[in-house]
Amino acid sequence: MILLLAIGLALIVGYLTGGSLGQAHQARLRALPLFFGAAFVQVLIFTPLLGTRSFIQDNGQYIYIGTVLASLAAILLNLSIPGMKIMAIGAALNALVIIANGGFMPSTEAALDRAGKLETVERAEAAEPGDDWVLTNSIIADDDTRLLFREHRHPGRLAARQRHFHRRHPCWPSAQPSPSCVHAPAQEQNTEERQPTT
């Protein structure tokens, strides 16, 4: 989505500085369906259109990584166009941070507040099963955030997100799996032990 904003800003700046789209067809852009398809998917999963559905909330981070890599691939296929190499560097760094943080872009609370996203992100991180919330591509940076070279990280946010994830997926492998998953096999074993032998 940020790439679309960058393109829009570039078009506005170009127009204000006397540029024209009259010769844009000569640029011979490649893989446009890949680029705009990825952007369209992001709009779907990070808005109420699909962002409130359980499947998207459970798997949206992986879909997001796929769209980010698709956008990067589209840019790499157009490196011969002036300016695309700089855009590729930015897109690659953007993808690196998102992948390193499990499919989310970490931001400080102050940055999210300025962007008007803090409440949405906090609601998503604190959501319980059955709550009404919309998937977001951002997380609040904490001490475990990777590749965020800034201060003012919020301690303990990662633990909160892990608790939220395991409430939705109680049997997912973890250091502290749900008691319902730990004790169920033991109960079955005890039942078998109590059965009389013949």
N, C-alpha and C. Protein backbone atom coordinates (compact mmCIF):
# COMPACT_ATOMS: atom_id res chain seq x y z
N MET A 1 0.81 -1.20 0.00
CA MET A 1 0.00 0.00 0.00
C MET A 1 0.85 1.26 0.00
N ILE A 2 2.00 1.20 0.69
CA ILE A 2 2.85 2.38 0.74
C ILE A 2 3.45 2.67 -0.63
N LEU A 3 3.63 1.61 -1.45
CA LEU A 3 4.16 1.84 -2.79
C LEU A 3 3.15 2.59 -3.65
N LEU A 4 1.87 2.30 -3.46
CA LEU A 4 0.85 3.03 -4.20
C LEU A 4 0.86 4.51 -3.81
N LEU A 5 1.04 4.77 -2.52
CA LEU A 5 1.13 6.16 -2.07
C LEU A 5 2.35 6.85 -2.67
N ALA A 6 3.46 6.11 -2.75
CA ALA A 6 4.67 6.69 -3.33
C ALA A 6 4.47 7.01 -4.80
N ILE A 7 3.81 6.11 -5.53
CA ILE A 7 3.54 6.36 -6.95
C ILE A 7 2.62 7.56 -7.11
N GLY A 8 1.58 7.62 -6.30
CA GLY A 8 0.67 8.75 -6.37
C GLY A 8 1.36 10.07 -6.09
N LEU A 9 2.24 10.06 -5.06
CA LEU A 9 2.99 11.27 -4.73
C LEU A 9 3.92 11.66 -5.87
N ALA A 10 4.55 10.67 -6.49
CA ALA A 10 5.45 10.95 -7.61
C ALA A 10 4.69 11.57 -8.78
N LEU A 11 3.49 11.07 -9.05
CA LEU A 11 2.69 11.62 -10.14
C LEU A 11 2.30 13.07 -9.86
N ILE A 12 1.95 13.34 -8.60
CA ILE A 12 1.58 14.72 -8.24
C ILE A 12 2.76 15.66 -8.37
N VAL A 13 3.92 15.23 -7.85
CA VAL A 13 5.12 16.07 -7.94
C VAL A 13 5.51 16.28 -9.39
N GLY A 14 5.42 15.21 -10.19
CA GLY A 14 5.76 15.34 -11.60
C GLY A 14 4.85 16.32 -12.32
N TYR A 15 3.57 16.27 -11.99
CA TYR A 15 2.63 17.19 -12.62
C TYR A 15 2.90 18.63 -12.22
N LEU A 16 3.17 18.84 -10.92
CA LEU A 16 3.41 20.21 -10.42
C LEU A 16 4.70 20.81 -10.97
N THR A 17 5.64 19.93 -11.32
CA THR A 17 6.92 20.43 -11.85
C THR A 17 6.94 20.46 -13.37
N GLY A 18 5.77 20.33 -13.99
CA GLY A 18 5.69 20.46 -15.43
C GLY A 18 5.81 19.18 -16.22
N GLY A 19 5.76 18.07 -15.55
CA GLY A 19 5.85 16.78 -16.23
C GLY A 19 4.56 16.43 -16.93
N SER A 20 4.61 15.35 -17.71
CA SER A 20 3.45 14.91 -18.48
C SER A 20 3.45 13.40 -18.60
N LEU A 21 2.24 12.81 -18.65
CA LEU A 21 2.10 11.37 -18.86
C LEU A 21 1.92 11.02 -20.33
N GLY A 22 2.11 12.01 -21.19
CA GLY A 22 1.88 11.80 -22.61
C GLY A 22 2.77 10.73 -23.21
N GLN A 23 3.99 10.57 -22.68
CA GLN A 23 4.92 9.58 -23.22
C GLN A 23 5.07 8.38 -22.28
N ALA A 24 4.13 8.25 -21.34
CA ALA A 24 4.26 7.17 -20.36
C ALA A 24 4.22 5.79 -21.01
N HIS A 25 3.51 5.68 -22.15
CA HIS A 25 3.40 4.37 -22.78
C HIS A 25 4.74 3.86 -23.30
N GLN A 26 5.69 4.77 -23.48
CA GLN A 26 7.00 4.37 -23.96
C GLN A 26 7.86 3.72 -22.88
N ALA A 27 7.42 3.85 -21.64
CA ALA A 27 8.19 3.26 -20.54
C ALA A 27 8.17 1.74 -20.58
N ARG A 28 7.14 1.17 -21.18
CA ARG A 28 7.02 -0.28 -21.30
C ARG A 28 7.15 -0.98 -19.95
N LEU A 29 6.30 -0.60 -19.05
CA LEU A 29 6.28 -1.23 -17.73
C LEU A 29 5.88 -2.69 -17.85
N ARG A 30 6.55 -3.53 -17.10
CA ARG A 30 6.29 -4.96 -17.12
C ARG A 30 5.65 -5.37 -15.79
N ALA A 31 4.90 -6.47 -15.84
CA ALA A 31 4.33 -7.09 -14.63
C ALA A 31 3.40 -6.16 -13.87
N LEU A 32 2.70 -5.28 -14.57
CA LEU A 32 1.76 -4.40 -13.88
C LEU A 32 0.64 -5.17 -13.18
N PRO A 33 0.09 -6.24 -13.79
CA PRO A 33 -0.94 -7.01 -13.07
C PRO A 33 -0.43 -7.57 -11.74
N LEU A 34 0.84 -7.96 -11.70
CA LEU A 34 1.42 -8.49 -10.46
C LEU A 34 1.47 -7.41 -9.39
N PHE A 35 1.90 -6.24 -9.78
CA PHE A 35 2.03 -5.13 -8.83
C PHE A 35 0.68 -4.68 -8.30
N PHE A 36 -0.23 -4.39 -9.22
CA PHE A 36 -1.53 -3.88 -8.79
C PHE A 36 -2.38 -4.98 -8.15
N GLY A 37 -2.16 -6.23 -8.56
CA GLY A 37 -2.86 -7.34 -7.90
C GLY A 37 -2.46 -7.46 -6.44
N ALA A 38 -1.16 -7.31 -6.18
CA ALA A 38 -0.67 -7.36 -4.79
C ALA A 38 -1.25 -6.22 -3.97
N ALA A 39 -1.29 -5.03 -4.56
CA ALA A 39 -1.86 -3.88 -3.85
C ALA A 39 -3.35 -4.09 -3.58
N PHE A 40 -4.06 -4.66 -4.54
CA PHE A 40 -5.49 -4.91 -4.38
C PHE A 40 -5.76 -5.90 -3.25
N VAL A 41 -4.93 -6.94 -3.17
CA VAL A 41 -5.09 -7.94 -2.10
C VAL A 41 -4.86 -7.28 -0.74
N GLN A 42 -3.88 -6.39 -0.65
CA GLN A 42 -3.64 -5.70 0.61
C GLN A 42 -4.82 -4.85 1.03
N VAL A 43 -5.44 -4.19 0.05
CA VAL A 43 -6.62 -3.40 0.37
C VAL A 43 -7.73 -4.29 0.92
N LEU A 44 -7.87 -5.47 0.38
CA LEU A 44 -8.92 -6.39 0.82
C LEU A 44 -8.68 -6.89 2.24
N ILE A 45 -7.46 -7.31 2.55
CA ILE A 45 -7.21 -7.98 3.83
C ILE A 45 -7.02 -6.99 4.98
N PHE A 46 -6.70 -5.74 4.68
CA PHE A 46 -6.48 -4.77 5.75
C PHE A 46 -7.61 -3.76 5.88
N THR A 47 -8.77 -4.10 5.36
CA THR A 47 -9.98 -3.29 5.50
C THR A 47 -11.12 -4.21 5.90
N PRO A 48 -12.24 -3.66 6.32
CA PRO A 48 -13.38 -4.52 6.69
C PRO A 48 -13.90 -5.40 5.56
N LEU A 49 -13.43 -5.20 4.33
CA LEU A 49 -13.89 -6.05 3.22
C LEU A 49 -13.60 -7.51 3.52
N LEU A 50 -12.37 -7.82 3.95
CA LEU A 50 -12.01 -9.19 4.33
C LEU A 50 -11.27 -9.25 5.66
N GLY A 51 -10.86 -8.12 6.19
CA GLY A 51 -10.03 -8.11 7.38
C GLY A 51 -10.69 -8.52 8.67
N THR A 52 -12.00 -8.76 8.64
CA THR A 52 -12.70 -9.21 9.85
C THR A 52 -12.95 -10.72 9.84
N ARG A 53 -12.56 -11.40 8.78
CA ARG A 53 -12.82 -12.84 8.68
C ARG A 53 -11.73 -13.64 9.39
N SER A 54 -12.14 -14.71 10.03
CA SER A 54 -11.21 -15.49 10.85
C SER A 54 -10.04 -16.03 10.04
N PHE A 55 -10.30 -16.52 8.84
CA PHE A 55 -9.22 -17.08 8.03
C PHE A 55 -8.18 -16.01 7.71
N ILE A 56 -8.62 -14.81 7.38
CA ILE A 56 -7.70 -13.73 7.07
C ILE A 56 -6.95 -13.29 8.32
N GLN A 57 -7.63 -13.23 9.45
CA GLN A 57 -6.97 -12.82 10.69
C GLN A 57 -5.93 -13.84 11.13
N ASP A 58 -6.17 -15.12 10.83
CA ASP A 58 -5.22 -16.16 11.22
C ASP A 58 -4.05 -16.27 10.25
N ASN A 59 -4.26 -15.94 8.99
CA ASN A 59 -3.24 -16.16 7.97
C ASN A 59 -2.85 -14.90 7.21
N GLY A 60 -3.39 -13.76 7.62
CA GLY A 60 -3.15 -12.53 6.88
C GLY A 60 -1.69 -12.12 6.81
N GLN A 61 -0.91 -12.43 7.85
CA GLN A 61 0.50 -12.04 7.82
C GLN A 61 1.26 -12.75 6.71
N TYR A 62 0.88 -14.01 6.44
CA TYR A 62 1.54 -14.75 5.38
C TYR A 62 1.09 -14.25 4.00
N ILE A 63 -0.18 -13.91 3.90
CA ILE A 63 -0.68 -13.32 2.65
C ILE A 63 0.03 -11.99 2.40
N TYR A 64 0.21 -11.23 3.46
CA TYR A 64 0.87 -9.93 3.34
C TYR A 64 2.30 -10.10 2.85
N ILE A 65 3.02 -11.06 3.40
CA ILE A 65 4.39 -11.31 2.94
C ILE A 65 4.39 -11.66 1.45
N GLY A 66 3.42 -12.46 1.03
CA GLY A 66 3.33 -12.82 -0.37
C GLY A 66 3.12 -11.61 -1.27
N THR A 67 2.25 -10.69 -0.82
CA THR A 67 2.00 -9.50 -1.63
C THR A 67 3.22 -8.57 -1.67
N VAL A 68 3.93 -8.50 -0.55
CA VAL A 68 5.14 -7.66 -0.51
C VAL A 68 6.20 -8.20 -1.46
N LEU A 69 6.37 -9.53 -1.47
CA LEU A 69 7.34 -10.14 -2.38
C LEU A 69 6.89 -10.00 -3.83
N ALA A 70 5.59 -10.07 -4.07
CA ALA A 70 5.08 -9.89 -5.43
C ALA A 70 5.36 -8.48 -5.92
N SER A 71 5.15 -7.50 -5.06
CA SER A 71 5.45 -6.11 -5.43
C SER A 71 6.93 -5.92 -5.72
N LEU A 72 7.76 -6.53 -4.89
CA LEU A 72 9.20 -6.44 -5.10
C LEU A 72 9.60 -7.07 -6.43
N ALA A 73 9.00 -8.22 -6.74
CA ALA A 73 9.30 -8.89 -8.00
C ALA A 73 8.91 -8.02 -9.19
N ALA A 74 7.76 -7.36 -9.09
CA ALA A 74 7.32 -6.49 -10.18
C ALA A 74 8.29 -5.34 -10.39
N ILE A 75 8.82 -4.81 -9.30
CA ILE A 75 9.78 -3.71 -9.40
C ILE A 75 11.09 -4.21 -10.03
N LEU A 76 11.54 -5.39 -9.61
CA LEU A 76 12.79 -5.94 -10.14
C LEU A 76 12.70 -6.21 -11.64
N LEU A 77 11.52 -6.51 -12.12
CA LEU A 77 11.34 -6.75 -13.55
C LEU A 77 11.37 -5.47 -14.37
N ASN A 78 11.41 -4.33 -13.68
CA ASN A 78 11.42 -3.04 -14.37
C ASN A 78 12.64 -2.20 -14.03
N LEU A 79 13.74 -2.85 -13.67
CA LEU A 79 14.93 -2.12 -13.25
C LEU A 79 15.52 -1.25 -14.35
N SER A 80 15.20 -1.55 -15.60
CA SER A 80 15.76 -0.75 -16.70
C SER A 80 15.14 0.65 -16.76
N ILE A 81 14.03 0.86 -16.08
CA ILE A 81 13.36 2.16 -16.08
C ILE A 81 14.04 3.07 -15.05
N PRO A 82 14.34 4.29 -15.42
CA PRO A 82 15.01 5.21 -14.47
C PRO A 82 14.23 5.35 -13.16
N GLY A 83 14.94 5.27 -12.06
CA GLY A 83 14.34 5.42 -10.74
C GLY A 83 13.93 4.13 -10.09
N MET A 84 13.82 3.05 -10.89
CA MET A 84 13.35 1.78 -10.33
C MET A 84 14.38 1.13 -9.41
N LYS A 85 15.65 1.38 -9.64
CA LYS A 85 16.66 0.78 -8.77
C LYS A 85 16.56 1.33 -7.35
N ILE A 86 16.33 2.63 -7.25
CA ILE A 86 16.14 3.22 -5.92
C ILE A 86 14.87 2.67 -5.27
N MET A 87 13.82 2.56 -6.08
CA MET A 87 12.56 2.02 -5.57
C MET A 87 12.73 0.57 -5.13
N ALA A 88 13.56 -0.18 -5.85
CA ALA A 88 13.80 -1.59 -5.51
C ALA A 88 14.51 -1.71 -4.17
N ILE A 89 15.47 -0.81 -3.92
CA ILE A 89 16.18 -0.84 -2.64
C ILE A 89 15.20 -0.59 -1.49
N GLY A 90 14.35 0.41 -1.65
CA GLY A 90 13.37 0.70 -0.61
C GLY A 90 12.40 -0.45 -0.40
N ALA A 91 11.93 -1.06 -1.50
CA ALA A 91 10.98 -2.17 -1.39
C ALA A 91 11.64 -3.39 -0.76
N ALA A 92 12.92 -3.63 -1.06
CA ALA A 92 13.63 -4.78 -0.48
C ALA A 92 13.82 -4.60 1.02
N LEU A 93 14.18 -3.39 1.44
CA LEU A 93 14.34 -3.13 2.88
C LEU A 93 13.01 -3.24 3.60
N ASN A 94 11.97 -2.76 2.95
CA ASN A 94 10.62 -2.86 3.51
C ASN A 94 10.23 -4.33 3.70
N ALA A 95 10.50 -5.14 2.68
CA ALA A 95 10.18 -6.57 2.76
C ALA A 95 11.00 -7.26 3.84
N LEU A 96 12.26 -6.87 3.96
CA LEU A 96 13.13 -7.49 4.96
C LEU A 96 12.60 -7.29 6.37
N VAL A 97 12.19 -6.07 6.68
CA VAL A 97 11.67 -5.77 8.02
C VAL A 97 10.36 -6.53 8.27
N ILE A 98 9.48 -6.56 7.27
CA ILE A 98 8.19 -7.24 7.43
C ILE A 98 8.39 -8.74 7.64
N ILE A 99 9.26 -9.36 6.86
CA ILE A 99 9.50 -10.79 6.99
C ILE A 99 10.16 -11.10 8.33
N ALA A 100 11.13 -10.27 8.74
CA ALA A 100 11.82 -10.49 10.01
C ALA A 100 10.90 -10.40 11.20
N ASN A 101 9.77 -9.69 11.06
CA ASN A 101 8.82 -9.54 12.17
C ASN A 101 7.53 -10.32 11.93
N GLY A 102 7.65 -11.40 11.18
CA GLY A 102 6.54 -12.34 11.07
C GLY A 102 5.36 -11.87 10.25
N GLY A 103 5.59 -10.96 9.32
CA GLY A 103 4.50 -10.50 8.47
C GLY A 103 3.82 -9.23 8.95
N PHE A 104 4.51 -8.47 9.79
CA PHE A 104 3.98 -7.20 10.28
C PHE A 104 5.07 -6.14 10.19
N MET A 105 4.64 -4.89 10.03
CA MET A 105 5.58 -3.77 10.04
C MET A 105 5.57 -3.13 11.41
N PRO A 106 6.67 -3.23 12.15
CA PRO A 106 6.70 -2.63 13.49
C PRO A 106 6.81 -1.12 13.44
N SER A 107 6.12 -0.47 14.34
CA SER A 107 6.16 0.98 14.45
C SER A 107 6.06 1.36 15.92
N THR A 108 6.57 2.51 16.25
CA THR A 108 6.44 3.00 17.62
C THR A 108 5.01 3.49 17.84
N GLU A 109 4.63 3.56 19.10
CA GLU A 109 3.29 4.06 19.42
C GLU A 109 3.10 5.48 18.93
N ALA A 110 4.17 6.29 19.04
CA ALA A 110 4.06 7.69 18.60
C ALA A 110 3.81 7.76 17.09
N ALA A 111 4.51 6.93 16.31
CA ALA A 111 4.33 6.94 14.86
C ALA A 111 2.94 6.47 14.47
N LEU A 112 2.47 5.42 15.14
CA LEU A 112 1.13 4.93 14.85
C LEU A 112 0.06 5.95 15.23
N ASP A 113 0.31 6.65 16.32
CA ASP A 113 -0.65 7.67 16.75
C ASP A 113 -0.72 8.81 15.73
N ARG A 114 0.44 9.22 15.22
CA ARG A 114 0.45 10.27 14.21
C ARG A 114 -0.25 9.84 12.93
N ALA A 115 -0.15 8.55 12.63
CA ALA A 115 -0.79 8.02 11.42
C ALA A 115 -2.27 7.70 11.63
N GLY A 116 -2.75 7.84 12.87
CA GLY A 116 -4.15 7.53 13.16
C GLY A 116 -4.45 6.05 13.22
N LYS A 117 -3.42 5.21 13.45
CA LYS A 117 -3.60 3.76 13.44
C LYS A 117 -3.43 3.12 14.80
N LEU A 118 -3.05 3.90 15.82
CA LEU A 118 -2.72 3.31 17.11
C LEU A 118 -3.89 2.54 17.70
N GLU A 119 -5.07 3.13 17.68
CA GLU A 119 -6.24 2.47 18.27
C GLU A 119 -6.56 1.17 17.54
N THR A 120 -6.45 1.17 16.22
CA THR A 120 -6.73 -0.04 15.43
C THR A 120 -5.74 -1.14 15.76
N VAL A 121 -4.47 -0.79 15.88
CA VAL A 121 -3.44 -1.78 16.17
C VAL A 121 -3.61 -2.33 17.59
N GLU A 122 -3.87 -1.45 18.55
CA GLU A 122 -4.07 -1.90 19.93
C GLU A 122 -5.27 -2.83 20.03
N ARG A 123 -6.33 -2.51 19.30
CA ARG A 123 -7.52 -3.35 19.33
C ARG A 123 -7.24 -4.72 18.73
N ALA A 124 -6.45 -4.75 17.67
CA ALA A 124 -6.11 -6.03 17.04
C ALA A 124 -5.22 -6.87 17.95
N GLU A 125 -4.27 -6.25 18.63
CA GLU A 125 -3.36 -7.00 19.49
C GLU A 125 -4.05 -7.52 20.75
N ALA A 126 -5.08 -6.82 21.21
CA ALA A 126 -5.78 -7.23 22.43
C ALA A 126 -7.03 -8.05 22.15
N ALA A 127 -7.29 -8.36 20.89
CA ALA A 127 -8.55 -9.03 20.53
C ALA A 127 -8.62 -10.44 21.12
N GLU A 128 -9.80 -10.80 21.56
CA GLU A 128 -10.11 -12.14 22.04
C GLU A 128 -10.94 -12.85 20.96
N PRO A 129 -10.96 -14.18 21.00
CA PRO A 129 -11.81 -14.91 20.04
C PRO A 129 -13.25 -14.42 20.11
N GLY A 130 -13.81 -14.10 18.98
CA GLY A 130 -15.18 -13.61 18.92
C GLY A 130 -15.29 -12.11 18.88
N ASP A 131 -14.19 -11.40 19.17
CA ASP A 131 -14.22 -9.94 19.13
C ASP A 131 -14.32 -9.45 17.68
N ASP A 132 -14.83 -8.25 17.53
CA ASP A 132 -14.95 -7.62 16.21
C ASP A 132 -13.75 -6.71 16.01
N TRP A 133 -12.83 -7.12 15.14
CA TRP A 133 -11.63 -6.33 14.88
C TRP A 133 -11.18 -6.55 13.44
N VAL A 134 -10.36 -5.63 12.95
CA VAL A 134 -9.90 -5.68 11.57
C VAL A 134 -8.39 -5.93 11.56
N LEU A 135 -7.95 -6.83 10.71
CA LEU A 135 -6.53 -7.11 10.59
C LEU A 135 -5.76 -5.87 10.18
N THR A 136 -4.60 -5.69 10.77
CA THR A 136 -3.73 -4.57 10.40
C THR A 136 -2.34 -5.10 10.09
N ASN A 137 -1.62 -4.38 9.27
CA ASN A 137 -0.27 -4.82 8.90
C ASN A 137 0.79 -4.29 9.85
N SER A 138 0.38 -3.60 10.90
CA SER A 138 1.34 -2.99 11.83
C SER A 138 1.28 -3.66 13.19
N ILE A 139 2.38 -3.59 13.90
CA ILE A 139 2.45 -3.99 15.30
C ILE A 139 3.20 -2.91 16.06
N ILE A 140 2.97 -2.85 17.36
CA ILE A 140 3.67 -1.89 18.20
C ILE A 140 5.03 -2.46 18.57
N ALA A 141 6.09 -1.73 18.29
CA ALA A 141 7.44 -2.21 18.53
C ALA A 141 7.70 -2.43 20.01
N ASP A 142 8.42 -3.51 20.31
CA ASP A 142 8.80 -3.80 21.68
C ASP A 142 10.26 -4.22 21.71
N ASP A 143 10.72 -4.75 22.84
CA ASP A 143 12.12 -5.10 22.98
C ASP A 143 12.54 -6.26 22.07
N ASP A 144 11.58 -7.03 21.57
CA ASP A 144 11.88 -8.17 20.72
C ASP A 144 11.71 -7.86 19.23
N THR A 145 11.38 -6.63 18.92
CA THR A 145 11.21 -6.25 17.52
C THR A 145 12.55 -6.29 16.80
N ARG A 146 12.54 -6.81 15.59
CA ARG A 146 13.77 -6.93 14.81
C ARG A 146 13.86 -5.82 13.77
N LEU A 147 15.10 -5.35 13.59
CA LEU A 147 15.42 -4.38 12.54
C LEU A 147 14.66 -3.06 12.70
N LEU A 148 14.40 -2.66 13.92
CA LEU A 148 13.82 -1.34 14.17
C LEU A 148 14.86 -0.53 14.92
N PHE A 149 15.49 0.39 14.23
CA PHE A 149 16.61 1.13 14.80
C PHE A 149 16.12 2.42 15.45
N ARG A 150 15.22 2.24 16.41
CA ARG A 150 14.69 3.40 17.12
C ARG A 150 14.43 3.03 18.57
N GLU A 151 14.30 4.04 19.41
CA GLU A 151 14.04 3.81 20.82
C GLU A 151 12.54 3.87 21.09
N HIS A 152 12.17 3.95 22.36
CA HIS A 152 10.78 4.06 22.80
C HIS A 152 9.96 2.83 22.42
N ARG A 153 10.57 1.69 22.50
CA ARG A 153 9.83 0.46 22.24
C ARG A 153 9.02 0.09 23.48
N HIS A 154 7.92 -0.54 23.28
CA HIS A 154 7.03 -0.88 24.38
C HIS A 154 7.38 -2.27 24.88
N PRO A 155 7.84 -2.42 26.14
CA PRO A 155 8.22 -3.73 26.66
C PRO A 155 7.01 -4.63 26.83
N GLY A 156 7.22 -5.91 26.54
CA GLY A 156 6.19 -6.89 26.80
C GLY A 156 5.15 -7.05 25.72
N ARG A 157 5.24 -6.28 24.63
CA ARG A 157 4.22 -6.40 23.59
C ARG A 157 4.27 -7.75 22.91
N LEU A 158 5.48 -8.30 22.72
CA LEU A 158 5.59 -9.59 22.05
C LEU A 158 4.90 -10.68 22.85
N ALA A 159 5.08 -10.67 24.17
CA ALA A 159 4.44 -11.67 25.01
C ALA A 159 2.92 -11.56 24.91
N ALA A 160 2.42 -10.34 24.86
CA ALA A 160 0.97 -10.15 24.73
C ALA A 160 0.47 -10.71 23.40
N ARG A 161 1.22 -10.48 22.31
CA ARG A 161 0.80 -10.99 21.01
C ARG A 161 0.85 -12.51 21.00
N GLN A 162 1.86 -13.10 21.66
CA GLN A 162 1.95 -14.55 21.73
C GLN A 162 0.78 -15.14 22.51
N ARG A 163 0.39 -14.48 23.61
CA ARG A 163 -0.77 -14.98 24.36
C ARG A 163 -2.02 -14.90 23.52
N HIS A 164 -2.17 -13.80 22.76
CA HIS A 164 -3.33 -13.65 21.89
C HIS A 164 -3.35 -14.75 20.83
N PHE A 165 -2.19 -15.05 20.24
CA PHE A 165 -2.13 -16.06 19.19
C PHE A 165 -2.50 -17.43 19.75
N HIS A 166 -1.97 -17.78 20.91
CA HIS A 166 -2.21 -19.11 21.45
C HIS A 166 -3.61 -19.25 22.05
N ARG A 167 -4.28 -18.14 22.33
CA ARG A 167 -5.70 -18.25 22.68
C ARG A 167 -6.51 -18.66 21.47
N ARG A 168 -6.08 -18.20 20.28
CA ARG A 168 -6.78 -18.56 19.04
C ARG A 168 -6.35 -19.93 18.54
N HIS A 169 -5.11 -20.34 18.86
CA HIS A 169 -4.57 -21.62 18.41
C HIS A 169 -4.00 -22.36 19.61
N PRO A 170 -4.84 -22.91 20.48
CA PRO A 170 -4.36 -23.47 21.75
C PRO A 170 -3.43 -24.66 21.59
N CYS A 171 -3.50 -25.37 20.47
CA CYS A 171 -2.67 -26.56 20.30
C CYS A 171 -1.44 -26.30 19.44
N TRP A 172 -1.17 -25.04 19.12
CA TRP A 172 0.01 -24.71 18.33
C TRP A 172 1.26 -24.97 19.17
N PRO A 173 2.31 -25.58 18.57
CA PRO A 173 3.53 -25.86 19.36
C PRO A 173 4.10 -24.60 19.96
N SER A 174 4.38 -24.66 21.26
CA SER A 174 4.95 -23.51 21.94
C SER A 174 5.61 -23.98 23.22
N ALA A 175 6.29 -23.04 23.87
CA ALA A 175 6.94 -23.37 25.13
C ALA A 175 5.92 -23.65 26.22
N GLN A 176 4.74 -23.04 26.13
CA GLN A 176 3.70 -23.22 27.12
C GLN A 176 2.39 -23.54 26.42
N PRO A 177 2.23 -24.78 25.93
CA PRO A 177 1.00 -25.13 25.22
C PRO A 177 -0.19 -25.13 26.14
N SER A 178 -1.38 -25.08 25.55
CA SER A 178 -2.61 -25.04 26.32
C SER A 178 -2.77 -26.30 27.17
N PRO A 179 -3.27 -26.16 28.40
CA PRO A 179 -3.50 -27.34 29.24
C PRO A 179 -4.41 -28.36 28.57
N SER A 180 -5.37 -27.91 27.77
CA SER A 180 -6.27 -28.84 27.11
C SER A 180 -5.53 -29.74 26.15
N CYS A 181 -4.40 -29.25 25.58
CA CYS A 181 -3.62 -30.07 24.65
C CYS A 181 -2.61 -30.92 25.40
N VAL A 182 -2.17 -30.44 26.58
CA VAL A 182 -1.16 -31.17 27.33
C VAL A 182 -1.77 -32.36 28.06
N HIS A 183 -2.93 -32.14 28.64
CA HIS A 183 -3.50 -33.17 29.51
C HIS A 183 -4.37 -34.17 28.77
N ALA A 184 -4.82 -33.82 27.55
CA ALA A 184 -5.69 -34.74 26.84
C ALA A 184 -5.04 -36.09 26.60
N PRO A 185 -3.78 -36.18 26.10
CA PRO A 185 -3.16 -37.48 25.90
C PRO A 185 -2.98 -38.23 27.20
N ALA A 186 -2.64 -37.47 28.29
CA ALA A 186 -2.45 -38.13 29.58
C ALA A 186 -3.74 -38.75 30.08
N GLN A 187 -4.87 -38.05 29.85
CA GLN A 187 -6.15 -38.59 30.27
C GLN A 187 -6.48 -39.85 29.51
N GLU A 188 -6.16 -39.87 28.19
CA GLU A 188 -6.41 -41.07 27.41
C GLU A 188 -5.56 -42.22 27.90
N GLN A 189 -4.27 -41.91 28.27
CA GLN A 189 -3.39 -42.95 28.76
C GLN A 189 -3.90 -43.52 30.07
N ASN A 190 -4.36 -42.63 30.99
CA ASN A 190 -4.89 -43.10 32.26
C ASN A 190 -6.11 -43.97 32.07
N THR A 191 -6.95 -43.61 31.09
CA THR A 191 -8.13 -44.40 30.81
C THR A 191 -7.77 -45.79 30.36
N GLU A 192 -6.73 -45.85 29.49
CA GLU A 192 -6.30 -47.17 29.01
C GLU A 192 -5.73 -47.99 30.14
N GLU A 193 -5.01 -47.35 31.10
CA GLU A 193 -4.42 -48.07 32.21
C GLU A 193 -5.48 -48.64 33.13
N ARG A 194 -6.63 -47.91 33.26
CA ARG A 194 -7.67 -48.38 34.15
C ARG A 194 -8.50 -49.51 33.56
N GLN A 195 -8.40 -49.74 32.26
CA GLN A 195 -9.19 -50.80 31.64
C GLN A 195 -8.64 -52.15 32.08
N PRO A 196 -9.53 -53.07 32.49
CA PRO A 196 -9.06 -54.38 32.95
C PRO A 196 -8.47 -55.16 31.80
N THR A 197 -7.46 -55.91 32.11
CA THR A 197 -6.82 -56.76 31.10
C THR A 197 -7.45 -58.14 31.13
N THR A 198 -7.47 -58.76 29.98
CA THR A 198 -8.07 -60.11 29.89
C THR A 198 -7.01 -61.15 29.67
